[in-house]
Structures are given as C-alpha cells and as structure tokens.
Amino acid sequence: MNRSSDAWSTIRTVEVGSLAGLGRSFTRLFEGHLARTLLAAAAVAVSYAATAWLGTAYIFPGARVSALWLPNAILLAALLLAPRRDWWIYLAFVLCAHFLVLPLLVRLPPERAVIGYVGNSATAVVGALALSAFVPDIRRIDSLRTAIAFILLAGIFAPLCTSLLVAAAAVAVGISTTFWWTTIARSLSNAFAILTLVPLILHGTAWLRRGGGTIHSARATEASVLAIVLATLGILAFVPDRYNDLSPALLYAPFAILVWGTVRFGVPGACAPVLLLGVLATWGALNQTGPFAAHSPADNTVALLLFLVVTSGSLLLLAAVLEERQSLQESGTASEARFRTIFAHSIVPTVIWHADGRVLDANESFFRLTGYDRADLSSGRLATRDLIARAGSVGVPDPLRAAPDLNTEVPL
C-alpha cells in the first residue's frame, strides 16, 4: 500500500512539474512574442506620425487632402506581416500616434482627426483582409497573380471604397464641399503610396528574415548610380525655377532609368525609383515649378498622380513577371541538378537515348557493367543498336521493344 502511494505521489509530482515547466515555457514564448509585437507596433506608430507630418507639406491648395500620404501604406504593410490576432495592437498604437503625436506636429481639428483615423485604418484593414482572402500569407510580390491581386485589391479597391466614405463624412461635417474631387484625389494619393511603398517594405522584411545576405559592391554601386542619376533628372525636370528648352527632353529621360531599375533589381528596383520620382514630381506640381507652371496645382497634381499610379502599377507587373521567371529558372536548375546527382550515383546501370538510337548519356554503373567509357559516348560509337546486339547474344530482351515509352527525347 505504501509502495503504491509512493508511486502515485511520484507520478503526480512529475505531472505537476511537467505542467509547470510547460507553463513557464509558454509564458516565456508569449512574453517574447508580445515584446516583439509591441516593439514593431511602436515603430509603425512612429513611422506613421513622421510620414503624416511629411504629408502635410504636400497638401492640395485649398483642400484637406495630401498628395503624398504614406501612413496608410505603412500600416497596411504592417498588417500584412503581422498575425491577424495582433492587428488590434497596431491599430491601438497608431490611434495613439494619430491623436497624441499628430496634434503636436500639426493643428488638427477634432472632427478631421476622427475622420482621418477611421479612413486611414479602414484603408489598411480593408486592403489587408482583401489580400488575405485571395493571396493567403502574402510576404512578397513575386508572381504575376500576386501582383495583379495586390494592384486591384490593395491599390485600387481599398483606397476607392474608403475614400468614398471619407469624402462623404467630410462633406457631412462641413470640412469639404467637393465630394468627387476629394474621392478621386484621396484614392490616387493612397494608391500611389500603396503600390510603391508596401512592396518595398514586404521585400525588405523578407530579405532581413532570410539573414540579409551579402550585397556585392558592384550591385551597390549600380544602385547608387541609379538613384543619383534619377534624382538629378527628377530635380532638373520637375523642380527648376525656369522651364528651358531642355526640359521637354528631361521629362522623358527618367523612363530609361525606371526600366533599368526594374530589370536589374526586380520589385524593389521598380518601386523605389517611382517613389523617388513621385516625391519630386508632386512637389513640383504643387508649387507650380518646371512644366507645371501653366496650370493650377490641383489639376496638375491629380493628373500627375494618375500618371504615377499607372506607371507604378505597370512596372510592378513587369518586375513580378521577371521575378517569377527567375524563380522558375532557379527551380528548374535545382531540379535538374538533383536529377543529375541521382542519375550519376545510381547503382542501377542507366542510359539516356534519343528516339533515333543515339545514346545521349550514361551513368558510371553502366560503364562498369558494359566496359564502355565516356570516350565511346562522346565519339558517337555507342548506340542502342550495339547494346541490343550485345544483349541479344546473351538472351536479354530488346529494351526498345520491351519499353518503347522510355525514349527520353521526341524527334523534331
């Protein structure tokens, strides 16, 4: 009886100890995850406030809409990267930044602050939910399907839906009197920011999670030259005090740089140059410098934003196609390498022949069994008919008749 009681006590002690250890492990894991989430949410809130302050320098004259509004794109990228159960933490931190930090940087009426936060958070949430439904666990824009879904859902659908609500609320409380103009301007501004900034954040995060990798000096030099040349052309084309005879040619010059960046650097090379060019061009349009001096800033900027949205979307599609093609090529190369390794080290004598009887390749087991060598293979002296003749002399069935479907190439 005592032995049974002692054994039962030991079992209970082990169970309690195991449960306690499991609880401590779970607590440490939860605390680590929570700490990382809070740190990431704080970084998003700081970025949100900083870019919102920057956006106040790009306000349309006589309107309450910014032509360069990046906070929504930052929040959308954060929601795409975070588990859905943690979204409320990011929204809460952004709420604090919107109502506590922004009033210290810019004068923000209460009703405008409420409408702004609801519209900004709704744009990010709607875009994240729509993308999650069609492209689950999206981490990079690396395929044509993902790029199309991203452009249509996050770049067009989410900004347009929320802009309609924001414009209606602004008109209802007397902040704005132009419903459709506010809708169009806000939709284009958010679409441009989302199409350029969100892919950069996603690809940068994926690169960091892979360990960063080595950046070759040649690639870094090429990227630096691209940025310097594009910034110089953008300043000369869109931010000059006078519109000279060379300005029309300078307007077309950035296109070559944009294509160069897309082909050489993929999605980051497509988005970063367009974002840089958009910042310079939008500044010129709002301040009526360079080619924008002849028309009103509002008309110039809306037309420019439409052009930038179309350009960024087109380059993003091209970059996604190029990255998908490169990924397929790398997968094919890796698959062929695995096949070659298995083929070369197989203990089963194996040959690869053409439909006309030419032997294309053979493994070492075949050479050891038959006495041929690679010199016979490369000189063309080795053919399936010779193998069949040798096999027939010892009563082995004809391999071509026994397994005609084993031909590895189809004659042209």
Protein backbone atom coordinates (compact mmCIF):
# COMPACT_ATOMS: atom_id res chain seq x y z
CA MET A 1 0.00 0.00 0.00
CA ASN A 2 2.80 2.35 0.86
CA ARG A 3 4.64 1.48 -2.33
CA SER A 4 1.53 2.24 -4.36
CA SER A 5 1.05 5.56 -2.59
CA ASP A 6 4.70 6.49 -3.13
CA ALA A 7 4.48 5.63 -6.84
CA TRP A 8 1.29 7.64 -7.25
CA SER A 9 2.90 10.62 -5.48
CA THR A 10 5.91 10.38 -7.76
CA ILE A 11 3.70 10.34 -10.86
CA ARG A 12 1.73 13.34 -9.62
CA THR A 13 4.96 15.19 -8.86
CA VAL A 14 6.26 14.50 -12.37
CA GLU A 15 2.96 15.62 -13.91
CA VAL A 16 2.86 18.81 -11.88
CA GLY A 17 6.50 19.55 -12.69
CA SER A 18 5.91 18.95 -16.40
CA LEU A 19 2.86 21.20 -16.43
CA ALA A 20 4.75 23.89 -14.54
CA GLY A 21 7.66 23.69 -16.99
CA LEU A 22 5.27 23.81 -19.93
CA GLY A 23 3.55 26.82 -18.41
CA ARG A 24 6.86 28.63 -17.92
CA SER A 25 7.89 27.87 -21.50
CA PHE A 26 4.57 29.14 -22.81
CA THR A 27 4.87 32.28 -20.67
CA ARG A 28 8.38 32.99 -21.97
CA LEU A 29 7.23 32.40 -25.54
CA PHE A 30 4.21 34.65 -25.10
CA GLU A 31 6.27 37.36 -23.45
CA GLY A 32 8.86 37.22 -26.24
CA HIS A 33 6.19 37.40 -28.93
CA LEU A 34 4.38 40.20 -27.12
CA ALA A 35 7.59 42.18 -26.68
CA ARG A 36 8.41 41.87 -30.39
CA THR A 37 4.87 42.83 -31.34
CA LEU A 38 4.87 45.89 -29.09
CA LEU A 39 8.25 46.98 -30.44
CA ALA A 40 7.08 46.56 -34.03
CA ALA A 41 3.82 48.41 -33.32
CA ALA A 42 5.75 51.27 -31.73
CA ALA A 43 7.99 51.51 -34.81
CA VAL A 44 4.92 51.55 -37.05
CA ALA A 45 3.34 54.30 -34.93
CA VAL A 46 6.49 56.44 -35.11
CA SER A 47 6.70 55.93 -38.89
CA TYR A 48 3.00 56.74 -39.18
CA ALA A 49 3.41 60.04 -37.31
CA ALA A 50 6.58 61.02 -39.20
CA THR A 51 5.13 60.36 -42.66
CA ALA A 52 1.85 62.05 -41.69
CA TRP A 53 3.84 65.15 -40.76
CA LEU A 54 5.65 64.88 -44.10
CA GLY A 55 2.30 64.58 -45.87
CA THR A 56 1.21 67.96 -44.52
CA ALA A 57 3.85 69.56 -46.76
CA TYR A 58 2.04 68.08 -49.79
CA ILE A 59 -1.49 69.33 -49.09
CA PHE A 60 -3.54 70.36 -52.12
CA PRO A 61 -4.05 74.17 -52.14
CA GLY A 62 -7.46 74.99 -50.72
CA ALA A 63 -8.18 71.36 -49.85
CA ARG A 64 -7.74 68.94 -46.95
CA VAL A 65 -6.16 66.09 -48.95
CA SER A 66 -2.46 65.31 -49.11
CA ALA A 67 -0.95 64.46 -52.48
CA LEU A 68 1.69 62.24 -50.83
CA TRP A 69 0.15 60.24 -47.98
CA LEU A 70 2.34 57.33 -46.84
CA PRO A 71 0.91 56.40 -43.38
CA ASN A 72 -1.80 54.15 -44.80
CA ALA A 73 0.75 52.19 -46.82
CA ILE A 74 2.95 51.69 -43.74
CA LEU A 75 0.01 50.46 -41.68
CA LEU A 76 -1.14 48.13 -44.49
CA ALA A 77 2.33 46.58 -44.79
CA ALA A 78 2.43 46.06 -41.01
CA LEU A 79 -0.93 44.29 -41.03
CA LEU A 80 0.13 42.04 -43.91
CA LEU A 81 3.25 40.99 -42.00
CA ALA A 82 1.58 40.56 -38.59
CA PRO A 83 -0.72 37.75 -37.43
CA ARG A 84 -4.37 38.78 -37.55
CA ARG A 85 -4.73 38.33 -33.79
CA ASP A 86 -2.18 41.17 -33.31
CA TRP A 87 -3.82 43.70 -35.64
CA TRP A 88 -5.60 45.45 -32.79
CA ILE A 89 -2.24 46.25 -31.18
CA TYR A 90 -1.01 48.04 -34.30
CA LEU A 91 -4.30 49.91 -34.66
CA ALA A 92 -4.15 50.96 -30.99
CA PHE A 93 -0.59 52.29 -31.30
CA VAL A 94 -1.49 54.15 -34.48
CA LEU A 95 -4.53 55.57 -32.67
CA CYS A 96 -2.21 57.00 -30.01
CA ALA A 97 0.10 58.44 -32.66
CA HIS A 98 -2.84 59.95 -34.53
CA PHE A 99 -4.47 61.67 -31.55
CA LEU A 100 -1.46 62.35 -29.31
CA VAL A 101 1.54 62.93 -31.59
CA LEU A 102 -0.01 64.50 -34.69
CA PRO A 103 -1.74 67.37 -32.82
CA LEU A 104 1.71 68.38 -31.53
CA LEU A 105 3.12 68.45 -35.07
CA VAL A 106 0.19 69.94 -36.97
CA ARG A 107 -3.02 71.70 -35.99
CA LEU A 108 -5.73 69.08 -36.44
CA PRO A 109 -9.42 69.80 -35.71
CA PRO A 110 -11.12 67.01 -33.70
CA GLU A 111 -13.65 66.05 -36.37
CA ARG A 112 -10.96 65.90 -39.02
CA ALA A 113 -8.77 63.79 -36.74
CA VAL A 114 -11.57 61.27 -36.19
CA ILE A 115 -12.42 61.03 -39.88
CA GLY A 116 -8.73 60.77 -40.76
CA TYR A 117 -8.03 57.91 -38.36
CA VAL A 118 -11.12 55.96 -39.37
CA GLY A 119 -10.32 56.42 -43.05
CA ASN A 120 -6.63 55.54 -42.66
CA SER A 121 -7.20 52.44 -40.56
CA ALA A 122 -10.09 51.31 -42.77
CA THR A 123 -7.91 51.57 -45.89
CA ALA A 124 -5.25 49.37 -44.30
CA VAL A 125 -7.69 46.84 -42.81
CA VAL A 126 -9.80 46.50 -45.97
CA GLY A 127 -6.69 46.09 -48.12
CA ALA A 128 -5.17 43.52 -45.76
CA LEU A 129 -8.39 41.50 -45.46
CA ALA A 130 -8.99 41.51 -49.23
CA LEU A 131 -5.43 40.40 -49.97
CA SER A 132 -5.50 37.74 -47.26
CA ALA A 133 -8.66 36.28 -48.81
CA PHE A 134 -7.20 35.98 -52.32
CA VAL A 135 -3.47 35.60 -51.55
CA PRO A 136 -3.09 33.98 -48.10
CA ASP A 137 0.20 34.54 -46.25
CA ILE A 138 1.44 37.10 -48.75
CA ARG A 139 5.05 38.02 -47.99
CA ARG A 140 6.42 39.28 -51.30
CA ILE A 141 5.14 40.45 -54.68
CA ASP A 142 6.97 37.77 -56.64
CA SER A 143 4.43 36.43 -59.14
CA LEU A 144 2.04 37.80 -61.74
CA ARG A 145 -1.02 36.51 -59.85
CA THR A 146 0.11 38.15 -56.62
CA ALA A 147 0.91 41.43 -58.38
CA ILE A 148 -2.49 41.58 -60.10
CA ALA A 149 -4.32 40.84 -56.84
CA PHE A 150 -2.23 43.42 -54.99
CA ILE A 151 -2.85 46.16 -57.56
CA LEU A 152 -6.59 45.53 -57.86
CA LEU A 153 -7.39 44.94 -54.18
CA ALA A 154 -4.86 46.96 -52.20
CA GLY A 155 -4.04 49.59 -54.81
CA ILE A 156 -7.49 50.33 -56.24
CA PHE A 157 -10.34 48.67 -54.32
CA ALA A 158 -9.39 49.58 -50.74
CA PRO A 159 -8.46 53.26 -51.39
CA LEU A 160 -11.53 53.85 -53.55
CA CYS A 161 -14.02 52.34 -51.07
CA THR A 162 -12.65 54.17 -48.06
CA SER A 163 -12.23 57.43 -50.00
CA LEU A 164 -15.93 57.41 -50.82
CA LEU A 165 -16.73 57.11 -47.10
CA VAL A 166 -14.17 59.73 -46.07
CA ALA A 167 -15.38 62.20 -48.70
CA ALA A 168 -18.99 61.67 -47.65
CA ALA A 169 -18.10 62.21 -43.96
CA ALA A 170 -16.07 65.32 -44.80
CA VAL A 171 -18.97 66.83 -46.73
CA ALA A 172 -21.41 65.91 -43.95
CA VAL A 173 -19.44 67.72 -41.22
CA GLY A 174 -18.59 70.68 -43.44
CA ILE A 175 -14.87 70.01 -43.87
CA SER A 176 -15.19 69.74 -47.66
CA THR A 177 -17.68 70.73 -50.31
CA THR A 178 -16.25 68.74 -53.24
CA PHE A 179 -17.26 65.10 -52.81
CA TRP A 180 -16.00 63.64 -56.08
CA TRP A 181 -12.79 65.66 -56.22
CA THR A 182 -11.91 64.60 -52.67
CA THR A 183 -12.67 60.97 -53.52
CA ILE A 184 -10.50 61.00 -56.65
CA ALA A 185 -7.60 62.89 -55.07
CA ARG A 186 -7.51 60.71 -51.94
CA SER A 187 -7.85 57.48 -53.93
CA LEU A 188 -4.96 58.36 -56.24
CA SER A 189 -2.75 59.55 -53.39
CA ASN A 190 -3.29 56.36 -51.38
CA ALA A 191 -2.98 54.13 -54.44
CA PHE A 192 0.40 55.61 -55.38
CA ALA A 193 1.74 55.22 -51.84
CA ILE A 194 0.48 51.64 -51.52
CA LEU A 195 1.78 50.49 -54.93
CA THR A 196 5.27 51.83 -54.27
CA LEU A 197 5.89 51.63 -50.51
CA VAL A 198 4.17 48.37 -49.48
CA PRO A 199 6.18 46.13 -51.88
CA LEU A 200 9.38 47.79 -50.67
CA ILE A 201 8.52 47.02 -47.04
CA LEU A 202 7.49 43.43 -47.83
CA HIS A 203 10.62 42.65 -49.82
CA GLY A 204 12.88 44.39 -47.30
CA THR A 205 11.37 42.40 -44.44
CA ALA A 206 11.69 39.13 -46.38
CA TRP A 207 15.34 39.92 -47.12
CA LEU A 208 16.05 40.61 -43.44
CA ARG A 209 14.29 37.40 -42.35
CA ARG A 210 16.49 35.41 -44.73
CA GLY A 211 19.53 36.78 -42.92
CA GLY A 212 20.21 39.80 -45.09
CA GLY A 213 22.70 38.11 -47.37
CA THR A 214 25.76 39.66 -48.98
CA ILE A 215 25.43 42.83 -51.01
CA HIS A 216 28.08 42.83 -53.70
CA SER A 217 29.94 46.06 -54.23
CA ALA A 218 29.07 46.08 -57.92
CA ARG A 219 25.34 45.86 -57.18
CA ALA A 220 25.57 48.55 -54.52
CA THR A 221 27.47 50.82 -56.90
CA GLU A 222 24.92 50.25 -59.64
CA ALA A 223 22.02 51.02 -57.30
CA SER A 224 23.75 54.19 -56.08
CA VAL A 225 24.37 55.38 -59.63
CA LEU A 226 20.73 54.67 -60.50
CA ALA A 227 19.48 56.70 -57.52
CA ILE A 228 21.83 59.63 -58.18
CA VAL A 229 21.02 59.81 -61.88
CA LEU A 230 17.27 59.56 -61.28
CA ALA A 231 17.32 62.20 -58.52
CA THR A 232 19.33 64.55 -60.75
CA LEU A 233 16.99 64.09 -63.70
CA GLY A 234 13.93 64.47 -61.45
CA ILE A 235 15.19 67.72 -59.98
CA LEU A 236 16.15 69.14 -63.38
CA ALA A 237 12.84 68.09 -64.95
CA PHE A 238 10.29 68.86 -62.22
CA VAL A 239 11.82 71.34 -59.78
CA PRO A 240 13.51 74.04 -61.88
CA ASP A 241 12.74 77.73 -61.44
CA ARG A 242 12.59 78.18 -65.19
CA TYR A 243 11.28 75.95 -67.91
CA ASN A 244 14.10 75.90 -70.51
CA ASP A 245 14.45 74.29 -73.91
CA LEU A 246 15.93 71.09 -72.47
CA SER A 247 13.04 70.47 -70.08
CA PRO A 248 10.82 68.53 -72.56
CA ALA A 249 13.66 66.07 -73.18
CA LEU A 250 14.29 65.74 -69.46
CA LEU A 251 10.68 64.70 -68.90
CA TYR A 252 11.26 61.51 -70.93
CA ALA A 253 14.73 60.75 -69.55
CA PRO A 254 13.57 59.13 -66.27
CA PHE A 255 11.73 56.35 -68.16
CA ALA A 256 15.00 54.70 -69.13
CA ILE A 257 16.15 54.77 -65.50
CA LEU A 258 12.84 53.30 -64.30
CA VAL A 259 13.09 50.40 -66.76
CA TRP A 260 16.74 49.91 -65.86
CA GLY A 261 15.90 49.63 -62.17
CA THR A 262 13.01 47.23 -62.82
CA VAL A 263 15.02 44.85 -65.00
CA ARG A 264 18.13 44.86 -62.82
CA PHE A 265 16.64 44.91 -59.30
CA GLY A 266 13.14 43.44 -59.62
CA VAL A 267 10.30 44.73 -57.47
CA PRO A 268 12.46 46.97 -55.23
CA GLY A 269 14.08 48.42 -58.34
CA ALA A 270 10.64 49.20 -59.76
CA CYS A 271 9.05 50.74 -56.67
CA ALA A 272 11.86 52.78 -55.11
CA PRO A 273 12.68 54.84 -58.25
CA VAL A 274 9.00 55.56 -58.94
CA LEU A 275 8.51 56.65 -55.32
CA LEU A 276 11.53 58.97 -55.53
CA LEU A 277 10.37 60.40 -58.85
CA GLY A 278 6.83 60.82 -57.48
CA VAL A 279 8.07 62.81 -54.48
CA LEU A 280 9.98 65.23 -56.72
CA ALA A 281 7.26 65.50 -59.37
CA THR A 282 4.46 66.01 -56.83
CA TRP A 283 6.44 68.77 -55.12
CA GLY A 284 6.90 70.49 -58.48
CA ALA A 285 3.22 70.15 -59.33
CA LEU A 286 2.04 71.61 -56.02
CA ASN A 287 4.50 74.51 -56.20
CA GLN A 288 3.93 75.15 -59.93
CA THR A 289 7.56 74.78 -60.93
CA GLY A 290 9.02 73.45 -64.15
CA PRO A 291 6.46 72.05 -66.60
CA PHE A 292 3.60 72.62 -64.13
CA ALA A 293 3.73 76.42 -64.13
CA ALA A 294 0.96 76.90 -66.69
CA HIS A 295 -1.94 75.15 -64.89
CA SER A 296 -3.48 75.09 -61.44
CA PRO A 297 -1.71 72.99 -58.78
CA ALA A 298 -4.78 70.84 -58.10
CA ASP A 299 -5.30 69.88 -61.75
CA ASN A 300 -1.59 69.29 -62.25
CA THR A 301 -1.26 67.06 -59.23
CA VAL A 302 -4.34 64.92 -59.91
CA ALA A 303 -3.17 64.28 -63.48
CA LEU A 304 0.35 63.57 -62.22
CA LEU A 305 -0.89 61.13 -59.57
CA LEU A 306 -2.93 59.27 -62.17
CA PHE A 307 0.17 59.00 -64.34
CA LEU A 308 2.28 57.80 -61.39
CA VAL A 309 -0.30 55.17 -60.40
CA VAL A 310 -0.41 53.77 -63.94
CA THR A 311 3.39 53.82 -64.20
CA SER A 312 3.99 52.18 -60.81
CA GLY A 313 1.38 49.50 -61.50
CA SER A 314 2.86 48.70 -64.92
CA LEU A 315 6.41 48.49 -63.61
CA LEU A 316 5.27 46.35 -60.68
CA LEU A 317 3.67 43.87 -63.07
CA LEU A 318 6.85 43.75 -65.18
CA ALA A 319 9.02 43.25 -62.11
CA ALA A 320 6.76 40.48 -60.77
CA VAL A 321 6.88 38.65 -64.10
CA LEU A 322 10.69 38.89 -64.18
CA GLU A 323 11.00 37.61 -60.60
CA GLU A 324 8.58 34.75 -61.28
CA ARG A 325 10.55 33.77 -64.37
CA GLN A 326 13.82 33.86 -62.45
CA SER A 327 12.31 31.76 -59.68
CA LEU A 328 11.11 29.17 -62.20
CA GLN A 329 14.53 29.06 -63.83
CA GLU A 330 16.22 28.56 -60.47
CA SER A 331 13.73 25.82 -59.57
CA GLY A 332 14.35 24.10 -62.91
CA THR A 333 18.11 24.32 -62.46
CA ALA A 334 17.88 22.88 -58.94
CA SER A 335 15.60 20.07 -60.13
CA GLU A 336 17.96 19.21 -62.96
CA ALA A 337 20.90 19.21 -60.57
CA ARG A 338 19.08 16.81 -58.22
CA PHE A 339 18.27 14.52 -61.16
CA ARG A 340 21.88 14.57 -62.34
CA THR A 341 23.11 13.68 -58.86
CA ILE A 342 20.70 10.76 -58.53
CA PHE A 343 21.45 9.60 -62.09
CA ALA A 344 25.22 9.72 -61.63
CA HIS A 345 25.28 7.89 -58.28
CA SER A 346 22.61 5.29 -59.01
CA ILE A 347 23.75 1.66 -58.62
CA VAL A 348 21.38 0.69 -61.44
CA PRO A 349 23.02 0.86 -64.90
CA THR A 350 21.08 3.56 -66.75
CA VAL A 351 21.32 5.16 -70.19
CA ILE A 352 19.51 8.07 -71.79
CA TRP A 353 18.95 7.70 -75.52
CA HIS A 354 17.32 9.56 -78.37
CA ALA A 355 14.46 8.12 -80.40
CA ASP A 356 16.83 7.56 -83.36
CA GLY A 357 19.02 5.27 -81.26
CA ARG A 358 21.80 7.66 -80.24
CA VAL A 359 22.92 7.29 -76.63
CA LEU A 360 22.97 10.71 -75.03
CA ASP A 361 24.29 9.89 -71.57
CA ALA A 362 25.01 7.00 -69.22
CA ASN A 363 25.97 6.65 -65.59
CA GLU A 364 29.08 5.08 -64.10
CA SER A 365 27.28 1.86 -63.21
CA PHE A 366 26.53 1.33 -66.88
CA PHE A 367 30.16 1.89 -67.88
CA ARG A 368 31.41 -0.54 -65.23
CA LEU A 369 28.91 -3.19 -66.38
CA THR A 370 29.45 -2.90 -70.13
CA GLY A 371 33.12 -1.95 -70.36
CA TYR A 372 32.43 1.18 -72.41
CA ASP A 373 33.79 4.56 -71.33
CA ARG A 374 32.91 8.19 -71.88
CA ALA A 375 35.23 8.40 -74.86
CA ASP A 376 32.96 5.91 -76.64
CA LEU A 377 29.95 8.03 -75.70
CA SER A 378 31.43 11.34 -76.83
CA SER A 379 32.76 9.90 -80.10
CA GLY A 380 29.33 8.55 -81.05
CA ARG A 381 30.49 4.91 -81.18
CA LEU A 382 27.97 3.97 -78.52
CA ALA A 383 24.45 3.33 -79.89
CA THR A 384 21.41 1.45 -78.65
CA ARG A 385 21.59 -0.99 -81.56
CA ASP A 386 25.02 -2.13 -80.39
CA LEU A 387 23.65 -2.60 -76.89
CA ILE A 388 20.70 -4.56 -78.26
CA ALA A 389 23.01 -6.77 -80.28
CA ARG A 390 25.16 -7.48 -77.25
CA ALA A 391 22.10 -8.10 -75.09
CA GLY A 392 20.60 -10.47 -77.71
CA SER A 393 23.73 -12.52 -77.80
CA VAL A 394 23.12 -13.47 -74.16
CA GLY A 395 19.35 -13.77 -74.41
CA VAL A 396 18.38 -10.38 -72.91
CA PRO A 397 15.13 -8.86 -74.33
CA ASP A 398 15.31 -5.89 -76.66
CA PRO A 399 14.97 -2.83 -74.36
CA LEU A 400 13.43 -0.67 -77.11
CA ARG A 401 10.70 -3.20 -77.84
CA ALA A 402 10.16 -4.08 -74.22
CA ALA A 403 9.82 -0.47 -73.04
CA PRO A 404 9.29 1.83 -76.05
CA ASP A 405 7.97 4.63 -73.79
CA LEU A 406 11.41 5.06 -72.18
CA ASN A 407 12.64 7.26 -75.03
CA THR A 408 13.78 10.46 -73.40
CA GLU A 409 13.53 12.75 -76.42
CA VAL A 410 10.93 13.25 -79.10
CA PRO A 411 12.32 13.61 -82.65
CA LEU A 412 11.81 17.03 -84.17
